[in-house]
């Protein structure tokens, strides 16, 4: 068996296996903060008829090169919350905005 790798190595398209070693889909997205080394979870694509599923990090049993193993059975994966893409956020381009739009954006930024 290959050596485990860190969560930051996970790439889109890697295989996802359930607790029984059966195919559960492919990695679509990984969420976390690399700077703080916090792994939140991942989104898996299960095929055209199924919805994408969000898998919290506590259900990731092992990570190997090209493969992520979950601690969930196929039935448990199906019960997970469907992943819905967040709506796009409005961005104001500095070149195309007035000074008051830039001021409003700057004063309402969440990290301020």
Protein backbone atom coordinates (compact mmCIF):
# COMPACT_ATOMS: atom_id res chain seq x y z
CA UNK A 1 0.00 0.00 0.00
CA UNK A 2 1.35 3.48 -0.85
CA UNK A 3 2.32 5.97 1.82
CA UNK A 4 -0.35 8.42 3.00
CA UNK A 5 -0.11 12.04 1.82
CA UNK A 6 -1.29 15.33 3.36
CA UNK A 7 -4.68 16.81 2.56
CA UNK A 8 -3.05 19.73 0.71
CA UNK A 9 -1.89 17.24 -1.94
CA UNK A 10 -5.45 16.25 -2.93
CA UNK A 11 -6.25 17.18 -6.53
CA UNK A 12 -9.43 17.45 -8.54
CA UNK A 13 -10.23 14.16 -10.25
CA UNK A 14 -8.73 11.81 -7.62
CA UNK A 15 -10.75 8.66 -6.90
CA UNK A 16 -12.92 8.51 -3.80
CA UNK A 17 -13.59 5.15 -2.17
CA UNK A 18 -16.20 4.38 0.47
CA UNK A 19 -15.56 2.40 3.69
CA UNK A 20 -15.96 -0.88 1.76
CA UNK A 21 -13.38 0.11 -0.86
CA UNK A 22 -16.03 0.70 -3.55
CA UNK A 23 -15.96 3.64 -5.94
CA UNK A 24 -17.82 6.67 -4.49
CA UNK A 25 -16.93 9.30 -7.09
CA UNK A 26 -14.18 11.78 -7.91
CA UNK A 27 -12.79 14.77 -6.04
CA UNK A 28 -14.22 18.03 -7.33
CA UNK A 29 -13.14 20.54 -4.71
CA UNK A 30 -11.14 20.63 -1.47
CA UNK A 31 -11.88 23.21 1.23
CA UNK A 32 -9.54 24.34 3.96
CA UNK A 33 -6.90 26.84 4.95
CA UNK A 34 -3.45 25.76 3.83
CA UNK A 35 -1.71 28.52 5.84
CA UNK A 36 -3.30 27.36 9.10
CA UNK A 37 -3.28 23.67 8.03
CA UNK A 38 -7.02 23.34 8.59
CA UNK A 39 -8.79 20.76 6.42
CA UNK A 40 -12.56 21.40 6.30
CA UNK A 41 -13.71 18.79 3.80
CA UNK A 42 -14.18 18.00 0.16
CA UNK A 43 -16.80 17.84 -2.54
CA UNK A 44 -17.20 14.68 -4.59
CA UNK A 45 -18.85 14.23 -7.97
CA UNK A 46 -20.75 10.97 -8.18
CA UNK A 47 -21.80 11.06 -11.80
CA UNK A 48 -24.38 12.78 -13.95
CA UNK A 49 -27.61 11.61 -12.25
CA UNK A 50 -26.35 12.20 -8.70
CA UNK A 51 -25.81 15.49 -6.95
CA UNK A 52 -22.37 16.50 -5.75
CA UNK A 53 -21.86 15.66 -2.07
CA UNK A 54 -19.94 17.59 0.57
CA UNK A 55 -17.89 15.32 2.86
CA UNK A 56 -16.65 16.91 6.12
CA UNK A 57 -13.01 16.16 6.93
CA UNK A 58 -13.89 13.94 9.90
CA UNK A 59 -15.19 11.33 7.42
CA UNK A 60 -11.89 11.11 5.52
CA UNK A 61 -10.19 7.93 6.71
CA UNK A 62 -7.03 8.03 4.57
CA UNK A 63 -5.44 9.97 1.74
CA UNK A 64 -3.08 8.30 -0.72
CA UNK A 65 -1.61 9.57 -3.97
CA UNK A 66 -4.57 9.72 -6.38
CA UNK A 67 -7.09 8.29 -3.91
CA UNK A 68 -9.15 9.36 -0.89
CA UNK A 69 -10.77 6.74 1.35
CA UNK A 70 -13.82 7.64 3.42
CA UNK A 71 -15.08 6.12 6.66
CA UNK A 72 -18.63 6.15 5.27
CA UNK A 73 -20.55 3.46 3.43
CA UNK A 74 -22.19 4.22 0.09
CA UNK A 75 -25.58 4.58 1.82
CA UNK A 76 -24.14 7.06 4.34
CA UNK A 77 -22.58 9.09 1.53
CA UNK A 78 -25.98 9.33 -0.17
CA UNK A 79 -27.41 10.78 3.07
CA UNK A 80 -24.84 13.58 3.15
CA UNK A 81 -25.85 17.11 2.29
CA UNK A 82 -25.89 17.94 -1.42
CA UNK A 83 -23.30 20.51 -2.38
CA UNK A 84 -24.70 23.68 -3.90
CA UNK A 85 -22.29 26.08 -5.52
CA UNK A 86 -22.33 29.38 -3.61
CA UNK A 87 -23.68 32.33 -5.59
CA UNK A 88 -21.07 34.57 -7.18
CA UNK A 89 -20.13 37.60 -5.15
CA UNK A 90 -20.32 41.04 -6.66
CA UNK A 91 -16.94 42.54 -7.36
CA UNK A 92 -16.39 46.18 -8.11
CA UNK A 93 -13.51 46.92 -10.40
CA UNK A 94 -11.54 49.95 -9.25
CA UNK A 95 -11.21 51.21 -12.82
CA UNK A 96 -14.98 51.11 -13.39
CA UNK A 97 -16.24 52.36 -10.04
CA UNK A 98 -16.71 55.75 -8.49
CA UNK A 99 -14.93 56.82 -5.32
CA UNK A 100 -18.10 56.32 -3.24
CA UNK A 101 -18.54 52.73 -4.54
CA UNK A 102 -14.95 51.94 -3.58
CA UNK A 103 -15.47 53.53 -0.15
CA UNK A 104 -18.68 51.54 0.39
CA UNK A 105 -16.90 48.31 -0.62
CA UNK A 106 -13.91 49.02 1.63
CA UNK A 107 -16.05 49.81 4.70
CA UNK A 108 -18.23 46.72 4.32
CA UNK A 109 -15.48 44.14 3.79
CA UNK A 110 -15.96 41.25 6.28
CA UNK A 111 -12.32 41.32 7.43
CA UNK A 112 -12.48 44.97 8.51
